[in-house]
Every structure is written in structure tokens, then in C-alpha cells.
Amino acid sequence: MILQALNQYFDTLVEAGTLERPGWQPVKVSYALQIDDEGNLKRVLPLLHEEERGKKKLLLPQVMNVPAQEKRTVGIISNFLCDNSTYFLGFDSKGKPERTVKCFQACKDLHEKLLGQVNSPAAQAVVRFFQKWNPETGRDHESLKSCLEEIMAGANLVFDYQNRFVHQYPEIQECWNAAYVVPMEGEKLRCLVTGDYGTVARLHPSIKGVTGGQPTGTSIVTFNAPAFESFGRDGGQGYNAPVSEKAAFAYTAALNYMIAEKEHHLRLSDTTIVFWAEHGENAYSDGFMAMMGEDTGISD
């Protein structure tokens, strides 16, 4: 029932213009790399905003809808137009330079493949950036000096071209929408969430920000040992509880949105609590937070 409710809430958020359809998702982004027509890095723009957490004021990343992120395990796979310095810049603080070089090359290949033929100055600027950027000398770039430590620690980055985020240009959004295809390969079963017959998600998108969870994200539906698997589903992971690719995207997008928005979650000890109203209005979540003792501005 909870996944069905989250799936319905996702539809509500999409209708309200809060979230995007499959292929896009909210991600915390800390900096934008501003590039010119020739792909030169001109400035690094901080996207952090100040927010009160209890008695403290913290600088937190901006949440924005970007092309859907890949679920990474140990393999090398790049995200499109939003990623960390390992992939965008070819260096980080992990101490694995050989792997980092491969990550940058994978990112370069992806962006050249998707944007190479797009008739757009913004698209060509990104392509030229990857063709010109040198990871071996990049960390000495003047624009990176003030924020190099934070960027190398894993902050998410996007591109800015002529004071607009590259992933917001209509022609580039069309390019991504055409390239992003919900996987059609894989076993087809009836979805436990929607009741529709379709391709089952073997691995569900990660849920980030759960208290006590992995930094790379946590999964709700997962089977990682034979003792948990159904007969004939050895190593099938998500096939043991069939949820369609569409529904898996929807419920995880809704959860990630609520965990990223302070109006829709609370943290009690080691527990993360999310809450929402069926029609999506914030007044009900504000009321719940007030009942939990949070200051929401609601008065008697």
C-alpha cells in the first residue's frame, strides 16, 4: 500500500509541476561550472543557500531537477549534465587516480555522444569543455581555488552557459528525453504497485538522505541473499517482488523529493519520517510538523 500511495503522490507532484516525468529527478547540487562558447571554464558559481537547522545555520546545496542519475555500485558509469568532480573534472580526494581518469573519459564519451550533433551553442560549449579540459592540471585552475576542497569531496556539479543551466535549455532537454528510454529488456511481469503488465525493475533507484543509510543511497526493495529469494529467482534481486520500471522510478522520486524538502520530513533519533497529503498541499504537512513540535509559523 505504501508504494501505491507514493506512486500516486508522484503523479500529484508532476501535475503540480514540482517533479518531472521519468528521465528527470531532484538532486542536490552545490556548484555550477560556467563555461563560454569555446568550452573554457570561466567561473565556479556556488549554489549553496543558508538554512536554519535547530539553532544552527548551515549552507546547503540547491535541489534542482536534472537528468535522471545512474545507480552506481562498483562500475564506472557517468551521469548526464550533473555529476561530481570525479566524472566532470577528472580528479577527487579518493586517491585512485587511474580510476578517476577512466571516470572522466566515460563522462566525456557520454556527452560527446549525446550532444555532439545537437544544434545548440550550449551543447557545443559542453562538448568543447570535455575536449579541452585537462584533469592533470585542472585542479590548479584559478576559478577552483576557493572551493576546491568541497568540490573534491564529492559535491554535485552542473554546467552554466550564458547565465542559464545547460540542462534547462529546451533543445538539450529534448535531446535527453529522446535518449532516455525506460529499459525494455528484462523480464515482464505484473507490477505489484500498479497492476500493469510490463518490464520489472531488477534494481530500484537509490533513496538518498535516509538516516543511517549509505551515502550513495538506500534501497527499499532489495534481495541480497539466497535465503530471501523465491524459488526460481536466484540472483534475481527485484524480480522477487516485481515492480515495474515506471513505478520504481515514481515511488523513489517521491521519496527523494520529500527527504530533500524540510517541509516533508522529520528525523527522530535514527529514524527518518516522511509525510504528505494525497492532493499535495503543504498546509497538511505543516500541520503535522506543528503537532510534532516543529516551528512552522502555525498558531492557534
C-alpha atoms as a PDB file:
ATOM      1  CA  MET A   1       0.000   0.000   0.000  1.00  0.00           C
ATOM      2  CA  ILE A   2       2.810   2.449   0.826  1.00  0.00           C
ATOM      3  CA  LEU A   3       4.375   2.109  -2.627  1.00  0.00           C
ATOM      4  CA  GLN A   4       0.969   2.627  -4.247  1.00  0.00           C
ATOM      5  CA  ALA A   5       0.453   5.819  -2.224  1.00  0.00           C
ATOM      6  CA  LEU A   6       3.930   7.065  -3.158  1.00  0.00           C
ATOM      7  CA  ASN A   7       3.258   6.277  -6.818  1.00  0.00           C
ATOM      8  CA  GLN A   8       0.043   8.326  -6.671  1.00  0.00           C
ATOM      9  CA  TYR A   9       1.830  11.164  -4.866  1.00  0.00           C
ATOM     10  CA  PHE A  10       4.429  11.254  -7.644  1.00  0.00           C
ATOM     11  CA  ASP A  11       1.624  11.821 -10.172  1.00  0.00           C
ATOM     12  CA  THR A  12       0.303  14.659  -7.987  1.00  0.00           C
ATOM     13  CA  LEU A  13       3.739  16.292  -7.862  1.00  0.00           C
ATOM     14  CA  VAL A  14       4.126  16.004 -11.628  1.00  0.00           C
ATOM     15  CA  GLU A  15       0.711  17.600 -12.248  1.00  0.00           C
ATOM     16  CA  ALA A  16       1.699  20.443  -9.925  1.00  0.00           C
ATOM     17  CA  GLY A  17       4.929  20.988 -11.854  1.00  0.00           C
ATOM     18  CA  THR A  18       7.047  20.086  -8.810  1.00  0.00           C
ATOM     19  CA  LEU A  19       8.617  16.969 -10.308  1.00  0.00           C
ATOM     20  CA  GLU A  20       9.312  15.820 -13.829  1.00  0.00           C
ATOM     21  CA  ARG A  21       8.233  12.665 -15.629  1.00  0.00           C
ATOM     22  CA  PRO A  22      10.648   9.697 -15.871  1.00  0.00           C
ATOM     23  CA  GLY A  23      14.055  10.765 -17.044  1.00  0.00           C
ATOM     24  CA  TRP A  24      14.396  13.625 -14.556  1.00  0.00           C
ATOM     25  CA  GLN A  25      14.849  13.740 -10.800  1.00  0.00           C
ATOM     26  CA  PRO A  26      15.611  16.189  -7.960  1.00  0.00           C
ATOM     27  CA  VAL A  27      19.289  16.212  -6.976  1.00  0.00           C
ATOM     28  CA  LYS A  28      21.262  18.320  -4.516  1.00  0.00           C
ATOM     29  CA  VAL A  29      23.696  20.488  -6.478  1.00  0.00           C
ATOM     30  CA  SER A  30      26.423  22.613  -4.873  1.00  0.00           C
ATOM     31  CA  TYR A  31      28.216  24.355  -7.737  1.00  0.00           C
ATOM     32  CA  ALA A  32      27.813  25.301 -11.403  1.00  0.00           C
ATOM     33  CA  LEU A  33      30.715  25.369 -13.850  1.00  0.00           C
ATOM     34  CA  GLN A  34      30.219  28.447 -16.017  1.00  0.00           C
ATOM     35  CA  ILE A  35      31.677  27.929 -19.482  1.00  0.00           C
ATOM     36  CA  ASP A  36      31.980  30.109 -22.580  1.00  0.00           C
ATOM     37  CA  ASP A  37      31.391  29.350 -26.270  1.00  0.00           C
ATOM     38  CA  GLU A  38      34.764  27.646 -26.576  1.00  0.00           C
ATOM     39  CA  GLY A  39      34.241  25.444 -23.538  1.00  0.00           C
ATOM     40  CA  ASN A  40      36.619  27.362 -21.299  1.00  0.00           C
ATOM     41  CA  LEU A  41      35.842  27.361 -17.582  1.00  0.00           C
ATOM     42  CA  LYS A  42      35.221  30.994 -16.637  1.00  0.00           C
ATOM     43  CA  ARG A  43      33.818  30.830 -13.124  1.00  0.00           C
ATOM     44  CA  VAL A  44      32.547  28.415 -10.494  1.00  0.00           C
ATOM     45  CA  LEU A  45      29.170  29.560  -9.198  1.00  0.00           C
ATOM     46  CA  PRO A  46      28.158  28.475  -5.658  1.00  0.00           C
ATOM     47  CA  LEU A  47      24.575  27.247  -5.469  1.00  0.00           C
ATOM     48  CA  LEU A  48      24.504  26.877  -1.689  1.00  0.00           C
ATOM     49  CA  HIS A  49      21.811  28.534   0.400  1.00  0.00           C
ATOM     50  CA  GLU A  50      21.625  29.237   4.119  1.00  0.00           C
ATOM     51  CA  GLU A  51      19.097  27.261   6.116  1.00  0.00           C
ATOM     52  CA  GLU A  52      18.355  27.024   9.821  1.00  0.00           C
ATOM     53  CA  ARG A  53      18.637  23.586  11.405  1.00  0.00           C
ATOM     54  CA  GLY A  54      17.708  23.893  15.038  1.00  0.00           C
ATOM     55  CA  LYS A  55      19.943  26.609  16.472  1.00  0.00           C
ATOM     56  CA  LYS A  56      22.462  26.355  13.660  1.00  0.00           C
ATOM     57  CA  LYS A  57      22.628  27.964  10.244  1.00  0.00           C
ATOM     58  CA  LEU A  58      24.006  25.692   7.549  1.00  0.00           C
ATOM     59  CA  LEU A  59      24.972  26.175   3.928  1.00  0.00           C
ATOM     60  CA  LEU A  60      23.114  23.522   1.953  1.00  0.00           C
ATOM     61  CA  PRO A  61      23.050  22.529  -1.731  1.00  0.00           C
ATOM     62  CA  GLN A  62      20.258  23.644  -4.033  1.00  0.00           C
ATOM     63  CA  VAL A  63      17.762  20.984  -5.111  1.00  0.00           C
ATOM     64  CA  MET A  64      17.060  21.035  -8.842  1.00  0.00           C
ATOM     65  CA  ASN A  65      15.554  18.705 -11.427  1.00  0.00           C
ATOM     66  CA  VAL A  66      18.318  17.221 -13.549  1.00  0.00           C
ATOM     67  CA  PRO A  67      18.615  14.263 -15.953  1.00  0.00           C
ATOM     68  CA  ALA A  68      17.998  11.008 -14.092  1.00  0.00           C
ATOM     69  CA  GLN A  69      21.020   9.720 -12.211  1.00  0.00           C
ATOM     70  CA  GLU A  70      22.502   6.291 -12.741  1.00  0.00           C
ATOM     71  CA  LYS A  71      22.568   3.792  -9.885  1.00  0.00           C
ATOM     72  CA  ARG A  72      26.244   3.107  -9.238  1.00  0.00           C
ATOM     73  CA  THR A  73      27.765   0.136  -7.496  1.00  0.00           C
ATOM     74  CA  VAL A  74      31.417  -0.542  -8.305  1.00  0.00           C
ATOM     75  CA  GLY A  75      31.292   0.086 -12.037  1.00  0.00           C
ATOM     76  CA  ILE A  76      32.166   3.243 -13.935  1.00  0.00           C
ATOM     77  CA  ILE A  77      29.092   4.948 -15.371  1.00  0.00           C
ATOM     78  CA  SER A  78      28.584   8.654 -15.951  1.00  0.00           C
ATOM     79  CA  ASN A  79      25.573  10.858 -15.342  1.00  0.00           C
ATOM     80  CA  PHE A  80      24.427  13.394 -17.904  1.00  0.00           C
ATOM     81  CA  LEU A  81      24.945  17.120 -17.165  1.00  0.00           C
ATOM     82  CA  CYS A  82      25.067  16.630 -13.379  1.00  0.00           C
ATOM     83  CA  ASP A  83      27.825  14.744 -11.619  1.00  0.00           C
ATOM     84  CA  ASN A  84      30.732  15.087  -9.198  1.00  0.00           C
ATOM     85  CA  SER A  85      34.326  16.138  -9.841  1.00  0.00           C
ATOM     86  CA  THR A  86      35.441  12.548 -10.443  1.00  0.00           C
ATOM     87  CA  TYR A  87      33.478  12.496 -13.690  1.00  0.00           C
ATOM     88  CA  PHE A  88      33.249  16.187 -14.641  1.00  0.00           C
ATOM     89  CA  LEU A  89      36.807  17.251 -13.802  1.00  0.00           C
ATOM     90  CA  GLY A  90      38.816  14.027 -13.593  1.00  0.00           C
ATOM     91  CA  PHE A  91      40.080  14.435 -10.043  1.00  0.00           C
ATOM     92  CA  ASP A  92      38.867  13.969  -6.468  1.00  0.00           C
ATOM     93  CA  SER A  93      40.158  13.208  -2.969  1.00  0.00           C
ATOM     94  CA  LYS A  94      39.722   9.426  -3.133  1.00  0.00           C
ATOM     95  CA  GLY A  95      43.321   8.653  -4.015  1.00  0.00           C
ATOM     96  CA  LYS A  96      42.574   6.441  -7.048  1.00  0.00           C
ATOM     97  CA  PRO A  97      43.974   8.458  -9.975  1.00  0.00           C
ATOM     98  CA  GLU A  98      43.839   5.640 -12.541  1.00  0.00           C
ATOM     99  CA  ARG A  99      40.144   5.006 -11.910  1.00  0.00           C
ATOM    100  CA  THR A 100      39.411   8.736 -11.906  1.00  0.00           C
ATOM    101  CA  VAL A 101      40.930   9.099 -15.379  1.00  0.00           C
ATOM    102  CA  LYS A 102      38.583   6.368 -16.627  1.00  0.00           C
ATOM    103  CA  CYS A 103      35.600   8.107 -14.993  1.00  0.00           C
ATOM    104  CA  PHE A 104      36.398  11.379 -16.746  1.00  0.00           C
ATOM    105  CA  GLN A 105      36.791   9.582 -20.079  1.00  0.00           C
ATOM    106  CA  ALA A 106      33.401   7.867 -19.607  1.00  0.00           C
ATOM    107  CA  CYS A 107      31.805  11.251 -18.895  1.00  0.00           C
ATOM    108  CA  LYS A 108      33.466  12.808 -21.926  1.00  0.00           C
ATOM    109  CA  ASP A 109      32.305   9.964 -24.173  1.00  0.00           C
ATOM    110  CA  LEU A 110      28.706  10.241 -22.944  1.00  0.00           C
ATOM    111  CA  HIS A 111      28.451  13.983 -23.525  1.00  0.00           C
ATOM    112  CA  GLU A 112      30.120  13.832 -26.929  1.00  0.00           C
ATOM    113  CA  LYS A 113      27.726  11.065 -27.943  1.00  0.00           C
ATOM    114  CA  LEU A 114      24.545  12.824 -26.804  1.00  0.00           C
ATOM    115  CA  LEU A 115      25.426  16.454 -27.524  1.00  0.00           C
ATOM    116  CA  GLY A 116      27.804  16.162 -30.468  1.00  0.00           C
ATOM    117  CA  GLN A 117      25.051  16.527 -33.087  1.00  0.00           C
ATOM    118  CA  VAL A 118      22.775  18.915 -31.168  1.00  0.00           C
ATOM    119  CA  ASN A 119      22.471  22.253 -32.962  1.00  0.00           C
ATOM    120  CA  SER A 120      22.840  24.377 -29.853  1.00  0.00           C
ATOM    121  CA  PRO A 121      25.623  26.724 -28.667  1.00  0.00           C
ATOM    122  CA  ALA A 122      25.150  25.429 -25.115  1.00  0.00           C
ATOM    123  CA  ALA A 123      25.527  21.796 -26.223  1.00  0.00           C
ATOM    124  CA  GLN A 124      28.640  22.537 -28.258  1.00  0.00           C
ATOM    125  CA  ALA A 125      30.142  24.503 -25.370  1.00  0.00           C
ATOM    126  CA  VAL A 126      29.873  21.415 -23.149  1.00  0.00           C
ATOM    127  CA  VAL A 127      31.412  19.207 -25.838  1.00  0.00           C
ATOM    128  CA  ARG A 128      34.320  21.629 -26.229  1.00  0.00           C
ATOM    129  CA  PHE A 129      34.766  21.737 -22.457  1.00  0.00           C
ATOM    130  CA  PHE A 130      35.374  17.989 -22.310  1.00  0.00           C
ATOM    131  CA  GLN A 131      37.634  18.115 -25.354  1.00  0.00           C
ATOM    132  CA  LYS A 132      39.803  20.870 -23.855  1.00  0.00           C
ATOM    133  CA  TRP A 133      39.767  20.120 -20.125  1.00  0.00           C
ATOM    134  CA  ASN A 134      42.971  18.578 -18.749  1.00  0.00           C
ATOM    135  CA  PRO A 135      42.417  16.682 -15.470  1.00  0.00           C
ATOM    136  CA  GLU A 136      46.155  16.671 -14.748  1.00  0.00           C
ATOM    137  CA  THR A 137      46.327  20.461 -14.463  1.00  0.00           C
ATOM    138  CA  GLY A 138      42.656  21.240 -13.809  1.00  0.00           C
ATOM    139  CA  ARG A 139      42.850  21.456 -10.040  1.00  0.00           C
ATOM    140  CA  ASP A 140      45.194  24.465 -10.412  1.00  0.00           C
ATOM    141  CA  HIS A 141      42.536  26.451 -12.304  1.00  0.00           C
ATOM    142  CA  GLU A 142      42.064  29.881 -10.758  1.00  0.00           C
ATOM    143  CA  SER A 143      38.255  29.517 -10.554  1.00  0.00           C
ATOM    144  CA  LEU A 144      38.503  26.389  -8.406  1.00  0.00           C
ATOM    145  CA  LYS A 145      40.833  27.649  -5.698  1.00  0.00           C
ATOM    146  CA  SER A 146      38.189  28.951  -3.295  1.00  0.00           C
ATOM    147  CA  CYS A 147      36.060  25.797  -3.389  1.00  0.00           C
ATOM    148  CA  LEU A 148      38.441  23.022  -4.450  1.00  0.00           C
ATOM    149  CA  GLU A 149      38.230  21.080  -1.184  1.00  0.00           C
ATOM    150  CA  GLU A 150      34.414  20.992  -1.190  1.00  0.00           C
ATOM    151  CA  ILE A 151      34.264  20.046  -4.874  1.00  0.00           C
ATOM    152  CA  MET A 152      36.809  17.247  -4.492  1.00  0.00           C
ATOM    153  CA  ALA A 153      34.833  15.864  -1.535  1.00  0.00           C
ATOM    154  CA  GLY A 154      32.001  14.821  -3.861  1.00  0.00           C
ATOM    155  CA  ALA A 155      29.766  17.854  -4.401  1.00  0.00           C
ATOM    156  CA  ASN A 156      27.429  17.609  -7.374  1.00  0.00           C
ATOM    157  CA  LEU A 157      28.131  19.957 -10.282  1.00  0.00           C
ATOM    158  CA  VAL A 158      26.167  21.240 -13.275  1.00  0.00           C
ATOM    159  CA  PHE A 159      27.081  23.432 -16.246  1.00  0.00           C
ATOM    160  CA  ASP A 160      26.098  27.076 -16.713  1.00  0.00           C
ATOM    161  CA  TYR A 161      26.134  28.715 -20.134  1.00  0.00           C
ATOM    162  CA  GLN A 162      25.227  32.387 -20.532  1.00  0.00           C
ATOM    163  CA  ASN A 163      23.698  32.506 -17.034  1.00  0.00           C
ATOM    164  CA  ARG A 164      21.414  29.528 -17.604  1.00  0.00           C
ATOM    165  CA  PHE A 165      21.899  25.956 -16.501  1.00  0.00           C
ATOM    166  CA  VAL A 166      22.674  23.832 -19.544  1.00  0.00           C
ATOM    167  CA  HIS A 167      20.171  21.130 -18.623  1.00  0.00           C
ATOM    168  CA  GLN A 168      17.397  23.774 -18.740  1.00  0.00           C
ATOM    169  CA  TYR A 169      17.815  24.628 -22.435  1.00  0.00           C
ATOM    170  CA  PRO A 170      14.783  23.241 -24.351  1.00  0.00           C
ATOM    171  CA  GLU A 171      16.832  21.703 -27.175  1.00  0.00           C
ATOM    172  CA  ILE A 172      19.040  19.890 -24.666  1.00  0.00           C
ATOM    173  CA  GLN A 173      16.034  18.671 -22.707  1.00  0.00           C
ATOM    174  CA  GLU A 174      14.627  17.294 -25.966  1.00  0.00           C
ATOM    175  CA  CYS A 175      17.948  15.563 -26.606  1.00  0.00           C
ATOM    176  CA  TRP A 176      17.870  13.893 -23.198  1.00  0.00           C
ATOM    177  CA  ASN A 177      14.194  12.947 -23.412  1.00  0.00           C
ATOM    178  CA  ALA A 178      14.900  11.224 -26.719  1.00  0.00           C
ATOM    179  CA  ALA A 179      17.958   9.447 -25.329  1.00  0.00           C
ATOM    180  CA  TYR A 180      16.371   8.368 -22.055  1.00  0.00           C
ATOM    181  CA  VAL A 181      14.390   5.217 -22.613  1.00  0.00           C
ATOM    182  CA  VAL A 182      12.813   3.212 -19.821  1.00  0.00           C
ATOM    183  CA  PRO A 183      14.521  -0.181 -20.105  1.00  0.00           C
ATOM    184  CA  MET A 184      12.507  -2.554 -22.259  1.00  0.00           C
ATOM    185  CA  GLU A 185      14.823  -5.506 -21.820  1.00  0.00           C
ATOM    186  CA  GLY A 186      14.284  -7.785 -18.882  1.00  0.00           C
ATOM    187  CA  GLU A 187      11.561  -9.987 -17.532  1.00  0.00           C
ATOM    188  CA  LYS A 188       7.975  -8.827 -17.925  1.00  0.00           C
ATOM    189  CA  LEU A 189       5.566  -9.496 -15.065  1.00  0.00           C
ATOM    190  CA  ARG A 190       2.523  -7.890 -13.491  1.00  0.00           C
ATOM    191  CA  CYS A 191       3.549  -4.925 -11.336  1.00  0.00           C
ATOM    192  CA  LEU A 192       2.617  -5.265  -7.660  1.00  0.00           C
ATOM    193  CA  VAL A 193       2.151  -1.483  -7.390  1.00  0.00           C
ATOM    194  CA  THR A 194       0.067  -0.578 -10.453  1.00  0.00           C
ATOM    195  CA  GLY A 195      -1.282  -3.950 -11.568  1.00  0.00           C
ATOM    196  CA  ASP A 196       0.013  -3.256 -15.083  1.00  0.00           C
ATOM    197  CA  TYR A 197       1.980  -5.811 -17.083  1.00  0.00           C
ATOM    198  CA  GLY A 198       5.451  -4.626 -18.047  1.00  0.00           C
ATOM    199  CA  THR A 199       9.217  -4.708 -17.588  1.00  0.00           C
ATOM    200  CA  VAL A 200      10.245  -5.321 -13.985  1.00  0.00           C
ATOM    201  CA  ALA A 201      12.914  -3.186 -12.322  1.00  0.00           C
ATOM    202  CA  ARG A 202      15.710  -5.539 -11.271  1.00  0.00           C
ATOM    203  CA  LEU A 203      17.424  -2.698  -9.374  1.00  0.00           C
ATOM    204  CA  HIS A 204      15.401   0.188  -7.972  1.00  0.00           C
ATOM    205  CA  PRO A 205      16.729   3.786  -7.915  1.00  0.00           C
ATOM    206  CA  SER A 206      18.509   4.782  -4.714  1.00  0.00           C
ATOM    207  CA  ILE A 207      16.846   6.779  -1.940  1.00  0.00           C
ATOM    208  CA  LYS A 208      19.285   9.361  -0.600  1.00  0.00           C
ATOM    209  CA  GLY A 209      19.390  11.113   2.752  1.00  0.00           C
ATOM    210  CA  VAL A 210      17.918   8.324   4.913  1.00  0.00           C
ATOM    211  CA  THR A 211      19.318   8.456   8.444  1.00  0.00           C
ATOM    212  CA  GLY A 212      21.845   5.667   8.845  1.00  0.00           C
ATOM    213  CA  GLY A 213      21.725   4.787   5.162  1.00  0.00           C
ATOM    214  CA  GLN A 214      24.590   4.502   2.714  1.00  0.00           C
ATOM    215  CA  PRO A 215      25.992   7.809   1.370  1.00  0.00           C
ATOM    216  CA  THR A 216      25.358   6.557  -2.167  1.00  0.00           C
ATOM    217  CA  GLY A 217      21.723   5.789  -1.365  1.00  0.00           C
ATOM    218  CA  THR A 218      19.472   3.152   0.161  1.00  0.00           C
ATOM    219  CA  SER A 219      17.049   0.672  -1.393  1.00  0.00           C
ATOM    220  CA  ILE A 220      13.644  -0.314  -0.024  1.00  0.00           C
ATOM    221  CA  VAL A 221      13.187  -3.317  -2.307  1.00  0.00           C
ATOM    222  CA  THR A 222      16.291  -5.491  -2.340  1.00  0.00           C
ATOM    223  CA  PHE A 223      17.186  -9.161  -2.030  1.00  0.00           C
ATOM    224  CA  ASN A 224      20.868  -9.768  -1.396  1.00  0.00           C
ATOM    225  CA  ALA A 225      20.997 -13.343  -0.101  1.00  0.00           C
ATOM    226  CA  PRO A 226      19.514 -16.673  -1.305  1.00  0.00           C
ATOM    227  CA  ALA A 227      17.559 -17.058   1.942  1.00  0.00           C
ATOM    228  CA  PHE A 228      15.374 -14.100   0.986  1.00  0.00           C
ATOM    229  CA  GLU A 229      14.681 -15.155  -2.589  1.00  0.00           C
ATOM    230  CA  SER A 230      11.710 -17.001  -4.027  1.00  0.00           C
ATOM    231  CA  PHE A 231      12.038 -20.350  -5.770  1.00  0.00           C
ATOM    232  CA  GLY A 232      13.456 -19.879  -9.245  1.00  0.00           C
ATOM    233  CA  ARG A 233      14.524 -16.290  -8.549  1.00  0.00           C
ATOM    234  CA  ASP A 234      18.138 -16.919  -7.547  1.00  0.00           C
ATOM    235  CA  GLY A 235      20.098 -13.717  -8.052  1.00  0.00           C
ATOM    236  CA  GLY A 236      17.006 -12.012  -9.408  1.00  0.00           C
ATOM    237  CA  GLN A 237      17.005  -9.247  -6.798  1.00  0.00           C
ATOM    238  CA  GLY A 238      13.983  -7.045  -7.667  1.00  0.00           C
ATOM    239  CA  TYR A 239      12.340  -9.862  -9.629  1.00  0.00           C
ATOM    240  CA  ASN A 240      11.429 -11.400  -6.269  1.00  0.00           C
ATOM    241  CA  ALA A 241       8.959  -8.548  -5.683  1.00  0.00           C
ATOM    242  CA  PRO A 242       8.044  -7.400  -9.200  1.00  0.00           C
ATOM    243  CA  VAL A 243       7.684  -3.634  -9.505  1.00  0.00           C
ATOM    244  CA  SER A 244       7.665  -2.050 -12.955  1.00  0.00           C
ATOM    245  CA  GLU A 245      10.423   0.329 -14.069  1.00  0.00           C
ATOM    246  CA  LYS A 246       7.873   3.152 -14.191  1.00  0.00           C
ATOM    247  CA  ALA A 247       6.539   2.545 -10.679  1.00  0.00           C
ATOM    248  CA  ALA A 248      10.058   2.102  -9.252  1.00  0.00           C
ATOM    249  CA  PHE A 249      11.050   5.468 -10.689  1.00  0.00           C
ATOM    250  CA  ALA A 250       7.885   7.118  -9.388  1.00  0.00           C
ATOM    251  CA  TYR A 251       7.946   5.981  -5.759  1.00  0.00           C
ATOM    252  CA  THR A 252      11.686   6.647  -5.343  1.00  0.00           C
ATOM    253  CA  ALA A 253      11.353  10.098  -6.944  1.00  0.00           C
ATOM    254  CA  ALA A 254       8.566  10.950  -4.482  1.00  0.00           C
ATOM    255  CA  LEU A 255      10.642   9.747  -1.517  1.00  0.00           C
ATOM    256  CA  ASN A 256      13.773  11.602  -2.633  1.00  0.00           C
ATOM    257  CA  TYR A 257      11.729  14.771  -3.047  1.00  0.00           C
ATOM    258  CA  MET A 258      10.308  14.570   0.488  1.00  0.00           C
ATOM    259  CA  ILE A 259      13.651  13.744   2.085  1.00  0.00           C
ATOM    260  CA  ALA A 260      15.207  16.725   0.309  1.00  0.00           C
ATOM    261  CA  GLU A 261      12.435  19.130   1.407  1.00  0.00           C
ATOM    262  CA  LYS A 262      12.393  20.113   5.073  1.00  0.00           C
ATOM    263  CA  GLU A 263       8.583  20.588   4.948  1.00  0.00           C
ATOM    264  CA  HIS A 264       8.059  16.880   4.281  1.00  0.00           C
ATOM    265  CA  HIS A 265      10.297  15.002   6.674  1.00  0.00           C
ATOM    266  CA  LEU A 266      11.458  14.778  10.268  1.00  0.00           C
ATOM    267  CA  ARG A 267      14.366  12.981  11.880  1.00  0.00           C
ATOM    268  CA  LEU A 268      13.777  11.311  15.225  1.00  0.00           C
ATOM    269  CA  SER A 269      16.919   9.659  16.548  1.00  0.00           C
ATOM    270  CA  ASP A 270      17.881   7.100  13.886  1.00  0.00           C
ATOM    271  CA  THR A 271      14.555   7.285  12.040  1.00  0.00           C
ATOM    272  CA  THR A 272      13.599   9.388   9.020  1.00  0.00           C
ATOM    273  CA  ILE A 273       9.862  10.155   8.856  1.00  0.00           C
ATOM    274  CA  VAL A 274       8.262  11.410   5.629  1.00  0.00           C
ATOM    275  CA  PHE A 275       4.685  12.658   5.334  1.00  0.00           C
ATOM    276  CA  TRP A 276       2.409  14.146   2.697  1.00  0.00           C
ATOM    277  CA  ALA A 277      -1.201  14.799   1.775  1.00  0.00           C
ATOM    278  CA  GLU A 278      -2.890  12.951  -1.075  1.00  0.00           C
ATOM    279  CA  HIS A 279      -3.560  16.153  -3.032  1.00  0.00           C
ATOM    280  CA  GLY A 280      -0.093  17.563  -2.351  1.00  0.00           C
ATOM    281  CA  GLU A 281      -0.976  20.754  -0.453  1.00  0.00           C
ATOM    282  CA  ASN A 282       1.681  21.807   2.062  1.00  0.00           C
ATOM    283  CA  ALA A 283      -0.817  23.052   4.664  1.00  0.00           C
ATOM    284  CA  TYR A 284      -1.381  19.479   5.861  1.00  0.00           C
ATOM    285  CA  SER A 285       2.307  18.677   6.193  1.00  0.00           C
ATOM    286  CA  ASP A 286       2.782  21.960   8.068  1.00  0.00           C
ATOM    287  CA  GLY A 287       0.018  20.919  10.436  1.00  0.00           C
ATOM    288  CA  PHE A 288       1.656  17.568  11.057  1.00  0.00           C
ATOM    289  CA  MET A 289       5.002  19.205  11.766  1.00  0.00           C
ATOM    290  CA  ALA A 290       3.343  21.585  14.201  1.00  0.00           C
ATOM    291  CA  MET A 291       1.837  18.635  16.066  1.00  0.00           C
ATOM    292  CA  MET A 292       5.324  17.132  16.256  1.00  0.00           C
ATOM    293  CA  GLY A 293       6.622  20.282  17.929  1.00  0.00           C
ATOM    294  CA  GLU A 294       8.286  21.906  14.927  1.00  0.00           C
ATOM    295  CA  ASP A 295       8.055  25.686  14.425  1.00  0.00           C
ATOM    296  CA  THR A 296       6.044  26.142  11.203  1.00  0.00           C
ATOM    297  CA  GLY A 297       4.500  29.537  11.923  1.00  0.00           C
ATOM    298  CA  ILE A 298       1.081  27.970  12.608  1.00  0.00           C
ATOM    299  CA  SER A 299      -0.680  29.471  15.607  1.00  0.00           C
ATOM    300  CA  ASP A 300      -3.894  28.799  17.440  1.00  0.00           C
END
